[in-house]
Amino acid sequence: MDSNSTFTKRIGGYLHKMIPITDAGGKILHYVAKPLMVEFRPRDIMQVIIGSTILALPIAYTEEAWKLGEELPLINVAFLSLLSLTFIALFVFFNFYRFNIRGHRFNYFKRVLATYLISILVVAVLLTIIQRCPWQEDHILAIKRIIIVSFPASMSATISDVVK
């Protein structure tokens, strides 16, 4: 192994990138372990749940969000959902996988989709509890409200997932 080669090692159950520190002659003095956050673990799921709740709570209680669900065309809500997924994908890529995508593509897609779906689930439960998802009368309206509130909720979920 040459003095500039890095490698991956599991320490305490978590992946770390081992970076060699060398002297002027190229002799390895020691290694610095940098956590690789490419695996989506139960701890990350909890962070996404809490993170999505942080912004879902205040927005779910606003009448503006409920009315926006009634007034906004379905195509606009679909674009909002696509925009949310795009923002999550870009943020996750540049914060977790930018230099480590090789061999971790599945974990990347899993993290992006899980973050969005967990955010949607948190919002759906919250809006159902406060009786703002009319599932029996108008399920399309319920879904539109969920997607509208999920946009900021998924953003805060993504941000909270970075905190380690």
N, C-alpha and C. Protein backbone atom coordinates (compact mmCIF):
# COMPACT_ATOMS: atom_id res chain seq x y z
N MET A 1 0.85 -1.18 0.00
CA MET A 1 0.00 0.00 0.00
C MET A 1 0.89 1.24 0.00
N ASP A 2 0.67 2.15 -0.97
CA ASP A 2 1.51 3.35 -1.02
C ASP A 2 1.00 4.39 -0.03
N SER A 3 1.81 5.44 0.17
CA SER A 3 1.52 6.43 1.21
C SER A 3 0.32 7.31 0.90
N ASN A 4 -0.15 7.33 -0.33
CA ASN A 4 -1.28 8.18 -0.69
C ASN A 4 -2.59 7.41 -0.80
N SER A 5 -2.57 6.12 -0.58
CA SER A 5 -3.79 5.34 -0.77
C SER A 5 -4.68 5.40 0.47
N THR A 6 -5.95 5.58 0.20
CA THR A 6 -6.94 5.54 1.26
C THR A 6 -7.69 4.23 1.13
N PHE A 7 -8.31 3.83 2.20
CA PHE A 7 -9.10 2.61 2.17
C PHE A 7 -10.28 2.77 3.13
N THR A 8 -11.22 1.86 3.00
CA THR A 8 -12.42 1.89 3.82
C THR A 8 -12.32 0.82 4.89
N LYS A 9 -12.69 1.19 6.10
CA LYS A 9 -12.63 0.25 7.22
C LYS A 9 -13.87 0.44 8.09
N ARG A 10 -14.41 -0.64 8.59
CA ARG A 10 -15.57 -0.57 9.48
C ARG A 10 -15.07 -0.48 10.92
N ILE A 11 -15.46 0.61 11.59
CA ILE A 11 -15.07 0.83 12.98
C ILE A 11 -16.34 1.01 13.80
N GLY A 12 -16.53 0.17 14.79
CA GLY A 12 -17.72 0.26 15.63
C GLY A 12 -19.01 0.08 14.85
N GLY A 13 -18.96 -0.70 13.77
CA GLY A 13 -20.14 -0.96 12.96
C GLY A 13 -20.39 0.06 11.86
N TYR A 14 -19.59 1.14 11.80
CA TYR A 14 -19.78 2.19 10.81
C TYR A 14 -18.60 2.24 9.86
N LEU A 15 -18.87 2.57 8.59
CA LEU A 15 -17.80 2.69 7.61
C LEU A 15 -17.03 3.99 7.80
N HIS A 16 -15.71 3.90 7.66
CA HIS A 16 -14.83 5.06 7.75
C HIS A 16 -13.84 5.01 6.60
N LYS A 17 -13.50 6.17 6.10
CA LYS A 17 -12.44 6.29 5.11
C LYS A 17 -11.16 6.55 5.88
N MET A 18 -10.17 5.71 5.69
CA MET A 18 -8.90 5.83 6.38
C MET A 18 -7.94 6.61 5.49
N ILE A 19 -7.52 7.77 5.96
CA ILE A 19 -6.65 8.66 5.20
C ILE A 19 -5.28 8.68 5.85
N PRO A 20 -4.23 8.30 5.09
CA PRO A 20 -2.89 8.27 5.68
C PRO A 20 -2.30 9.67 5.84
N ILE A 21 -1.64 9.88 6.97
CA ILE A 21 -0.88 11.11 7.23
C ILE A 21 0.59 10.71 7.17
N THR A 22 1.33 11.41 6.29
CA THR A 22 2.72 11.02 6.07
C THR A 22 3.68 12.16 6.43
N ASP A 23 4.92 11.79 6.64
CA ASP A 23 5.95 12.81 6.85
C ASP A 23 6.50 13.24 5.49
N ALA A 24 7.50 14.09 5.49
CA ALA A 24 8.07 14.62 4.24
C ALA A 24 8.68 13.52 3.37
N GLY A 25 9.11 12.44 4.00
CA GLY A 25 9.72 11.34 3.26
C GLY A 25 8.71 10.34 2.72
N GLY A 26 7.46 10.51 3.05
CA GLY A 26 6.43 9.61 2.56
C GLY A 26 6.11 8.47 3.51
N LYS A 27 6.75 8.46 4.68
CA LYS A 27 6.49 7.41 5.66
C LYS A 27 5.16 7.70 6.36
N ILE A 28 4.32 6.69 6.46
CA ILE A 28 3.00 6.86 7.11
C ILE A 28 3.20 7.01 8.61
N LEU A 29 2.72 8.13 9.14
CA LEU A 29 2.81 8.39 10.57
C LEU A 29 1.60 7.82 11.31
N HIS A 30 0.42 8.06 10.75
CA HIS A 30 -0.83 7.53 11.30
C HIS A 30 -1.94 7.73 10.29
N TYR A 31 -3.13 7.28 10.63
CA TYR A 31 -4.28 7.43 9.76
C TYR A 31 -5.34 8.27 10.45
N VAL A 32 -6.06 9.02 9.64
CA VAL A 32 -7.22 9.77 10.13
C VAL A 32 -8.45 9.03 9.63
N ALA A 33 -9.37 8.75 10.54
CA ALA A 33 -10.60 8.06 10.18
C ALA A 33 -11.71 9.09 9.96
N LYS A 34 -12.22 9.13 8.73
CA LYS A 34 -13.31 10.05 8.40
C LYS A 34 -14.56 9.21 8.17
N PRO A 35 -15.64 9.49 8.93
CA PRO A 35 -16.86 8.69 8.75
C PRO A 35 -17.42 8.81 7.33
N LEU A 36 -17.78 7.68 6.77
CA LEU A 36 -18.47 7.65 5.47
C LEU A 36 -19.95 7.47 5.77
N MET A 37 -20.74 8.44 5.42
CA MET A 37 -22.17 8.34 5.72
C MET A 37 -22.93 7.91 4.48
N VAL A 38 -22.60 6.72 3.98
CA VAL A 38 -23.24 6.22 2.77
C VAL A 38 -24.27 5.14 3.05
N GLU A 39 -24.33 4.66 4.27
CA GLU A 39 -25.33 3.65 4.64
C GLU A 39 -26.51 4.34 5.31
N PHE A 40 -27.71 3.89 4.99
CA PHE A 40 -28.92 4.45 5.58
C PHE A 40 -29.35 3.51 6.71
N ARG A 41 -29.11 3.94 7.93
CA ARG A 41 -29.29 3.10 9.11
C ARG A 41 -30.53 3.53 9.91
N PRO A 42 -30.96 2.73 10.88
CA PRO A 42 -32.12 3.10 11.71
C PRO A 42 -31.98 4.47 12.37
N ARG A 43 -30.78 4.81 12.77
CA ARG A 43 -30.54 6.13 13.36
C ARG A 43 -30.89 7.24 12.37
N ASP A 44 -30.55 7.03 11.09
CA ASP A 44 -30.86 8.00 10.05
C ASP A 44 -32.37 8.11 9.83
N ILE A 45 -33.04 7.00 9.92
CA ILE A 45 -34.50 7.00 9.77
C ILE A 45 -35.14 7.85 10.86
N MET A 46 -34.67 7.69 12.08
CA MET A 46 -35.21 8.51 13.18
C MET A 46 -34.92 9.99 12.97
N GLN A 47 -33.74 10.30 12.46
CA GLN A 47 -33.41 11.70 12.19
C GLN A 47 -34.32 12.27 11.11
N VAL A 48 -34.64 11.48 10.10
CA VAL A 48 -35.54 11.94 9.04
C VAL A 48 -36.94 12.16 9.59
N ILE A 49 -37.41 11.27 10.45
CA ILE A 49 -38.74 11.41 11.05
C ILE A 49 -38.81 12.70 11.87
N ILE A 50 -37.84 12.90 12.73
CA ILE A 50 -37.83 14.11 13.56
C ILE A 50 -37.67 15.35 12.69
N GLY A 51 -36.77 15.29 11.72
CA GLY A 51 -36.54 16.43 10.84
C GLY A 51 -37.77 16.82 10.04
N SER A 52 -38.49 15.84 9.53
CA SER A 52 -39.70 16.17 8.76
C SER A 52 -40.79 16.72 9.66
N THR A 53 -40.83 16.27 10.89
CA THR A 53 -41.83 16.77 11.84
C THR A 53 -41.57 18.23 12.19
N ILE A 54 -40.32 18.64 12.22
CA ILE A 54 -39.96 20.00 12.60
C ILE A 54 -40.69 21.04 11.75
N LEU A 55 -40.71 20.85 10.43
CA LEU A 55 -41.42 21.82 9.58
C LEU A 55 -42.83 21.40 9.23
N ALA A 56 -43.14 20.11 9.35
CA ALA A 56 -44.50 19.67 9.05
C ALA A 56 -45.49 20.23 10.06
N LEU A 57 -45.08 20.28 11.32
CA LEU A 57 -46.00 20.76 12.37
C LEU A 57 -46.52 22.17 12.13
N PRO A 58 -45.66 23.16 12.00
CA PRO A 58 -46.22 24.51 11.83
C PRO A 58 -46.97 24.70 10.51
N ILE A 59 -46.52 24.06 9.47
CA ILE A 59 -47.16 24.26 8.17
C ILE A 59 -48.48 23.51 8.07
N ALA A 60 -48.55 22.34 8.67
CA ALA A 60 -49.78 21.55 8.63
C ALA A 60 -50.93 22.25 9.35
N TYR A 61 -50.61 23.11 10.28
CA TYR A 61 -51.65 23.81 11.04
C TYR A 61 -52.10 25.11 10.39
N THR A 62 -51.57 25.45 9.22
CA THR A 62 -51.95 26.71 8.60
C THR A 62 -53.07 26.51 7.59
N GLU A 63 -54.02 27.41 7.63
CA GLU A 63 -55.14 27.35 6.70
C GLU A 63 -54.69 27.59 5.27
N GLU A 64 -53.61 28.36 5.10
CA GLU A 64 -53.09 28.63 3.75
C GLU A 64 -52.69 27.33 3.05
N ALA A 65 -52.07 26.42 3.78
CA ALA A 65 -51.68 25.14 3.18
C ALA A 65 -52.91 24.33 2.79
N TRP A 66 -53.95 24.36 3.62
CA TRP A 66 -55.17 23.61 3.31
C TRP A 66 -55.84 24.19 2.07
N LYS A 67 -55.92 25.51 1.99
CA LYS A 67 -56.56 26.16 0.84
C LYS A 67 -55.74 25.97 -0.43
N LEU A 68 -54.43 26.01 -0.29
CA LEU A 68 -53.56 25.78 -1.45
C LEU A 68 -53.82 24.39 -2.04
N GLY A 69 -54.07 23.41 -1.18
CA GLY A 69 -54.41 22.08 -1.64
C GLY A 69 -55.71 22.05 -2.43
N GLU A 70 -56.65 22.90 -2.05
CA GLU A 70 -57.93 22.97 -2.76
C GLU A 70 -57.79 23.68 -4.10
N GLU A 71 -56.94 24.70 -4.16
CA GLU A 71 -56.89 25.58 -5.32
C GLU A 71 -55.84 25.18 -6.36
N LEU A 72 -54.76 24.59 -5.94
CA LEU A 72 -53.65 24.29 -6.85
C LEU A 72 -54.01 23.10 -7.75
N PRO A 73 -53.79 23.25 -9.07
CA PRO A 73 -54.05 22.13 -9.98
C PRO A 73 -53.14 20.94 -9.67
N LEU A 74 -53.63 19.77 -9.98
CA LEU A 74 -52.90 18.53 -9.70
C LEU A 74 -51.53 18.51 -10.39
N ILE A 75 -51.43 19.06 -11.57
CA ILE A 75 -50.14 19.07 -12.29
C ILE A 75 -49.10 19.90 -11.53
N ASN A 76 -49.54 21.01 -10.92
CA ASN A 76 -48.62 21.84 -10.14
C ASN A 76 -48.16 21.10 -8.89
N VAL A 77 -49.05 20.36 -8.28
CA VAL A 77 -48.70 19.57 -7.10
C VAL A 77 -47.71 18.47 -7.49
N ALA A 78 -47.92 17.88 -8.67
CA ALA A 78 -46.98 16.85 -9.16
C ALA A 78 -45.60 17.46 -9.39
N PHE A 79 -45.55 18.67 -9.95
CA PHE A 79 -44.26 19.35 -10.14
C PHE A 79 -43.61 19.67 -8.80
N LEU A 80 -44.41 20.03 -7.81
CA LEU A 80 -43.89 20.30 -6.47
C LEU A 80 -43.25 19.03 -5.89
N SER A 81 -43.89 17.91 -6.12
CA SER A 81 -43.35 16.63 -5.66
C SER A 81 -42.03 16.31 -6.37
N LEU A 82 -42.00 16.54 -7.67
CA LEU A 82 -40.78 16.30 -8.45
C LEU A 82 -39.67 17.24 -8.01
N LEU A 83 -40.00 18.48 -7.75
CA LEU A 83 -39.02 19.46 -7.28
C LEU A 83 -38.45 19.04 -5.92
N SER A 84 -39.31 18.56 -5.06
CA SER A 84 -38.88 18.09 -3.74
C SER A 84 -37.89 16.93 -3.88
N LEU A 85 -38.23 15.96 -4.71
CA LEU A 85 -37.33 14.82 -4.93
C LEU A 85 -35.99 15.28 -5.53
N THR A 86 -36.04 16.25 -6.43
CA THR A 86 -34.82 16.76 -7.03
C THR A 86 -33.93 17.43 -5.99
N PHE A 87 -34.52 18.27 -5.16
CA PHE A 87 -33.75 18.95 -4.10
C PHE A 87 -33.13 17.93 -3.15
N ILE A 88 -33.91 16.94 -2.74
CA ILE A 88 -33.39 15.91 -1.84
C ILE A 88 -32.22 15.18 -2.51
N ALA A 89 -32.41 14.78 -3.77
CA ALA A 89 -31.38 14.03 -4.48
C ALA A 89 -30.09 14.83 -4.60
N LEU A 90 -30.20 16.10 -4.94
CA LEU A 90 -29.01 16.94 -5.07
C LEU A 90 -28.31 17.15 -3.72
N PHE A 91 -29.09 17.46 -2.70
CA PHE A 91 -28.51 17.70 -1.39
C PHE A 91 -27.82 16.45 -0.85
N VAL A 92 -28.49 15.31 -0.97
CA VAL A 92 -27.92 14.05 -0.49
C VAL A 92 -26.65 13.70 -1.29
N PHE A 93 -26.70 13.90 -2.59
CA PHE A 93 -25.52 13.60 -3.40
C PHE A 93 -24.32 14.43 -2.96
N PHE A 94 -24.51 15.73 -2.86
CA PHE A 94 -23.37 16.60 -2.56
C PHE A 94 -22.91 16.52 -1.11
N ASN A 95 -23.74 16.03 -0.21
CA ASN A 95 -23.33 15.94 1.19
C ASN A 95 -22.88 14.54 1.62
N PHE A 96 -23.31 13.50 0.92
CA PHE A 96 -22.96 12.14 1.34
C PHE A 96 -22.17 11.36 0.28
N TYR A 97 -22.55 11.50 -0.99
CA TYR A 97 -22.07 10.57 -2.01
C TYR A 97 -21.19 11.19 -3.08
N ARG A 98 -20.92 12.45 -3.02
CA ARG A 98 -20.19 13.14 -4.08
C ARG A 98 -18.89 12.44 -4.46
N PHE A 99 -18.12 12.05 -3.48
CA PHE A 99 -16.85 11.40 -3.77
C PHE A 99 -16.90 9.90 -3.49
N ASN A 100 -18.09 9.40 -3.14
CA ASN A 100 -18.21 7.99 -2.75
C ASN A 100 -19.37 7.30 -3.43
N ILE A 101 -19.78 7.75 -4.60
CA ILE A 101 -20.94 7.17 -5.27
C ILE A 101 -20.65 5.77 -5.82
N ARG A 102 -19.41 5.54 -6.22
CA ARG A 102 -19.05 4.23 -6.76
C ARG A 102 -19.25 3.16 -5.69
N GLY A 103 -20.08 2.20 -6.01
CA GLY A 103 -20.35 1.11 -5.07
C GLY A 103 -21.45 1.42 -4.07
N HIS A 104 -21.99 2.64 -4.12
CA HIS A 104 -23.02 3.02 -3.15
C HIS A 104 -24.26 3.60 -3.83
N ARG A 105 -24.45 3.33 -5.10
CA ARG A 105 -25.61 3.89 -5.82
C ARG A 105 -26.93 3.44 -5.21
N PHE A 106 -27.02 2.17 -4.87
CA PHE A 106 -28.26 1.66 -4.28
C PHE A 106 -28.58 2.40 -2.98
N ASN A 107 -27.57 2.58 -2.12
CA ASN A 107 -27.77 3.31 -0.87
C ASN A 107 -28.16 4.76 -1.13
N TYR A 108 -27.64 5.35 -2.19
CA TYR A 108 -27.99 6.73 -2.55
C TYR A 108 -29.48 6.81 -2.89
N PHE A 109 -29.93 5.96 -3.80
CA PHE A 109 -31.34 5.99 -4.19
C PHE A 109 -32.25 5.62 -3.02
N LYS A 110 -31.80 4.68 -2.22
CA LYS A 110 -32.57 4.28 -1.05
C LYS A 110 -32.73 5.45 -0.08
N ARG A 111 -31.67 6.20 0.16
CA ARG A 111 -31.71 7.35 1.08
C ARG A 111 -32.63 8.44 0.54
N VAL A 112 -32.54 8.74 -0.74
CA VAL A 112 -33.38 9.79 -1.35
C VAL A 112 -34.86 9.40 -1.26
N LEU A 113 -35.19 8.21 -1.72
CA LEU A 113 -36.59 7.77 -1.70
C LEU A 113 -37.13 7.61 -0.29
N ALA A 114 -36.32 7.06 0.59
CA ALA A 114 -36.76 6.88 1.97
C ALA A 114 -37.01 8.21 2.65
N THR A 115 -36.15 9.18 2.41
CA THR A 115 -36.34 10.51 3.01
C THR A 115 -37.66 11.12 2.57
N TYR A 116 -37.94 11.03 1.27
CA TYR A 116 -39.18 11.61 0.76
C TYR A 116 -40.41 10.83 1.24
N LEU A 117 -40.35 9.52 1.18
CA LEU A 117 -41.50 8.71 1.59
C LEU A 117 -41.78 8.82 3.10
N ILE A 118 -40.74 8.86 3.90
CA ILE A 118 -40.93 9.03 5.34
C ILE A 118 -41.54 10.40 5.63
N SER A 119 -41.09 11.42 4.92
CA SER A 119 -41.66 12.76 5.10
C SER A 119 -43.14 12.77 4.73
N ILE A 120 -43.48 12.12 3.63
CA ILE A 120 -44.88 12.03 3.22
C ILE A 120 -45.70 11.30 4.27
N LEU A 121 -45.16 10.22 4.81
CA LEU A 121 -45.88 9.45 5.82
C LEU A 121 -46.10 10.28 7.09
N VAL A 122 -45.09 11.00 7.53
CA VAL A 122 -45.21 11.85 8.72
C VAL A 122 -46.30 12.90 8.51
N VAL A 123 -46.28 13.54 7.35
CA VAL A 123 -47.28 14.57 7.05
C VAL A 123 -48.67 13.96 6.95
N ALA A 124 -48.78 12.80 6.30
CA ALA A 124 -50.09 12.14 6.17
C ALA A 124 -50.68 11.81 7.53
N VAL A 125 -49.87 11.29 8.41
CA VAL A 125 -50.36 10.96 9.76
C VAL A 125 -50.79 12.23 10.49
N LEU A 126 -49.96 13.25 10.43
CA LEU A 126 -50.27 14.51 11.11
C LEU A 126 -51.55 15.14 10.57
N LEU A 127 -51.68 15.26 9.26
CA LEU A 127 -52.88 15.87 8.68
C LEU A 127 -54.13 15.02 8.93
N THR A 128 -53.97 13.72 8.98
CA THR A 128 -55.10 12.84 9.29
C THR A 128 -55.54 13.02 10.74
N ILE A 129 -54.59 13.14 11.65
CA ILE A 129 -54.91 13.33 13.06
C ILE A 129 -55.65 14.64 13.29
N ILE A 130 -55.24 15.71 12.59
CA ILE A 130 -55.92 17.00 12.80
C ILE A 130 -57.11 17.17 11.85
N GLN A 131 -57.49 16.09 11.20
CA GLN A 131 -58.67 16.01 10.34
C GLN A 131 -58.63 17.00 9.18
N ARG A 132 -57.50 17.08 8.52
CA ARG A 132 -57.36 17.92 7.33
C ARG A 132 -57.06 17.09 6.09
N CYS A 133 -57.18 15.78 6.22
CA CYS A 133 -57.08 14.86 5.08
C CYS A 133 -58.45 14.18 4.92
N PRO A 134 -59.28 14.70 4.04
CA PRO A 134 -60.62 14.12 3.87
C PRO A 134 -60.58 12.83 3.04
N TRP A 135 -60.07 11.76 3.62
CA TRP A 135 -59.88 10.52 2.89
C TRP A 135 -61.18 9.96 2.31
N GLN A 136 -62.29 10.03 3.05
CA GLN A 136 -63.56 9.47 2.58
C GLN A 136 -64.20 10.35 1.50
N GLU A 137 -64.16 11.66 1.68
CA GLU A 137 -64.85 12.57 0.77
C GLU A 137 -64.05 12.89 -0.49
N ASP A 138 -62.76 13.19 -0.34
CA ASP A 138 -61.95 13.65 -1.47
C ASP A 138 -60.49 13.24 -1.26
N HIS A 139 -60.18 12.01 -1.69
CA HIS A 139 -58.82 11.51 -1.48
C HIS A 139 -57.78 12.27 -2.30
N ILE A 140 -58.17 12.84 -3.43
CA ILE A 140 -57.22 13.65 -4.22
C ILE A 140 -56.82 14.90 -3.45
N LEU A 141 -57.77 15.55 -2.80
CA LEU A 141 -57.48 16.72 -1.98
C LEU A 141 -56.54 16.34 -0.83
N ALA A 142 -56.79 15.19 -0.22
CA ALA A 142 -55.93 14.73 0.87
C ALA A 142 -54.49 14.54 0.38
N ILE A 143 -54.35 13.93 -0.77
CA ILE A 143 -53.01 13.70 -1.32
C ILE A 143 -52.34 15.02 -1.69
N LYS A 144 -53.09 15.94 -2.27
CA LYS A 144 -52.52 17.24 -2.63
C LYS A 144 -52.03 17.98 -1.39
N ARG A 145 -52.82 17.97 -0.33
CA ARG A 145 -52.40 18.63 0.92
C ARG A 145 -51.15 17.98 1.48
N ILE A 146 -51.09 16.68 1.42
CA ILE A 146 -49.92 15.96 1.93
C ILE A 146 -48.67 16.35 1.14
N ILE A 147 -48.77 16.39 -0.18
CA ILE A 147 -47.60 16.72 -1.01
C ILE A 147 -47.17 18.17 -0.77
N ILE A 148 -48.14 19.07 -0.63
CA ILE A 148 -47.81 20.48 -0.39
C ILE A 148 -47.06 20.66 0.92
N VAL A 149 -47.54 20.04 1.98
CA VAL A 149 -46.88 20.17 3.28
C VAL A 149 -45.59 19.36 3.31
N SER A 150 -45.51 18.31 2.51
CA SER A 150 -44.30 17.48 2.48
C SER A 150 -43.11 18.17 1.85
N PHE A 151 -43.36 19.19 1.02
CA PHE A 151 -42.24 19.89 0.39
C PHE A 151 -41.29 20.46 1.44
N PRO A 152 -41.75 21.34 2.34
CA PRO A 152 -40.82 21.85 3.36
C PRO A 152 -40.43 20.78 4.38
N ALA A 153 -41.33 19.86 4.67
CA ALA A 153 -41.02 18.80 5.63
C ALA A 153 -39.87 17.93 5.14
N SER A 154 -39.87 17.61 3.86
CA SER A 154 -38.79 16.78 3.31
C SER A 154 -37.46 17.54 3.28
N MET A 155 -37.53 18.85 3.11
CA MET A 155 -36.30 19.66 3.13
C MET A 155 -35.68 19.63 4.54
N SER A 156 -36.51 19.81 5.57
CA SER A 156 -35.96 19.77 6.92
C SER A 156 -35.53 18.36 7.31
N ALA A 157 -36.19 17.34 6.77
CA ALA A 157 -35.77 15.96 7.01
C ALA A 157 -34.39 15.71 6.42
N THR A 158 -34.18 16.24 5.23
CA THR A 158 -32.89 16.07 4.55
C THR A 158 -31.78 16.76 5.33
N ILE A 159 -32.06 17.96 5.78
CA ILE A 159 -31.05 18.72 6.56
C ILE A 159 -30.72 18.00 7.86
N SER A 160 -31.75 17.50 8.55
CA SER A 160 -31.50 16.85 9.84
C SER A 160 -30.74 15.54 9.68
N ASP A 161 -30.84 14.91 8.51
CA ASP A 161 -30.12 13.67 8.26
C ASP A 161 -28.62 13.91 8.20
N VAL A 162 -28.20 15.12 7.89
CA VAL A 162 -26.77 15.45 7.83
C VAL A 162 -26.15 15.54 9.22
N VAL A 163 -26.96 15.93 10.20
CA VAL A 163 -26.45 16.10 11.56
C VAL A 163 -26.06 14.75 12.13
N LYS A 164 -24.81 14.62 12.50
CA LYS A 164 -24.32 13.34 13.05
C LYS A 164 -23.66 13.58 14.38
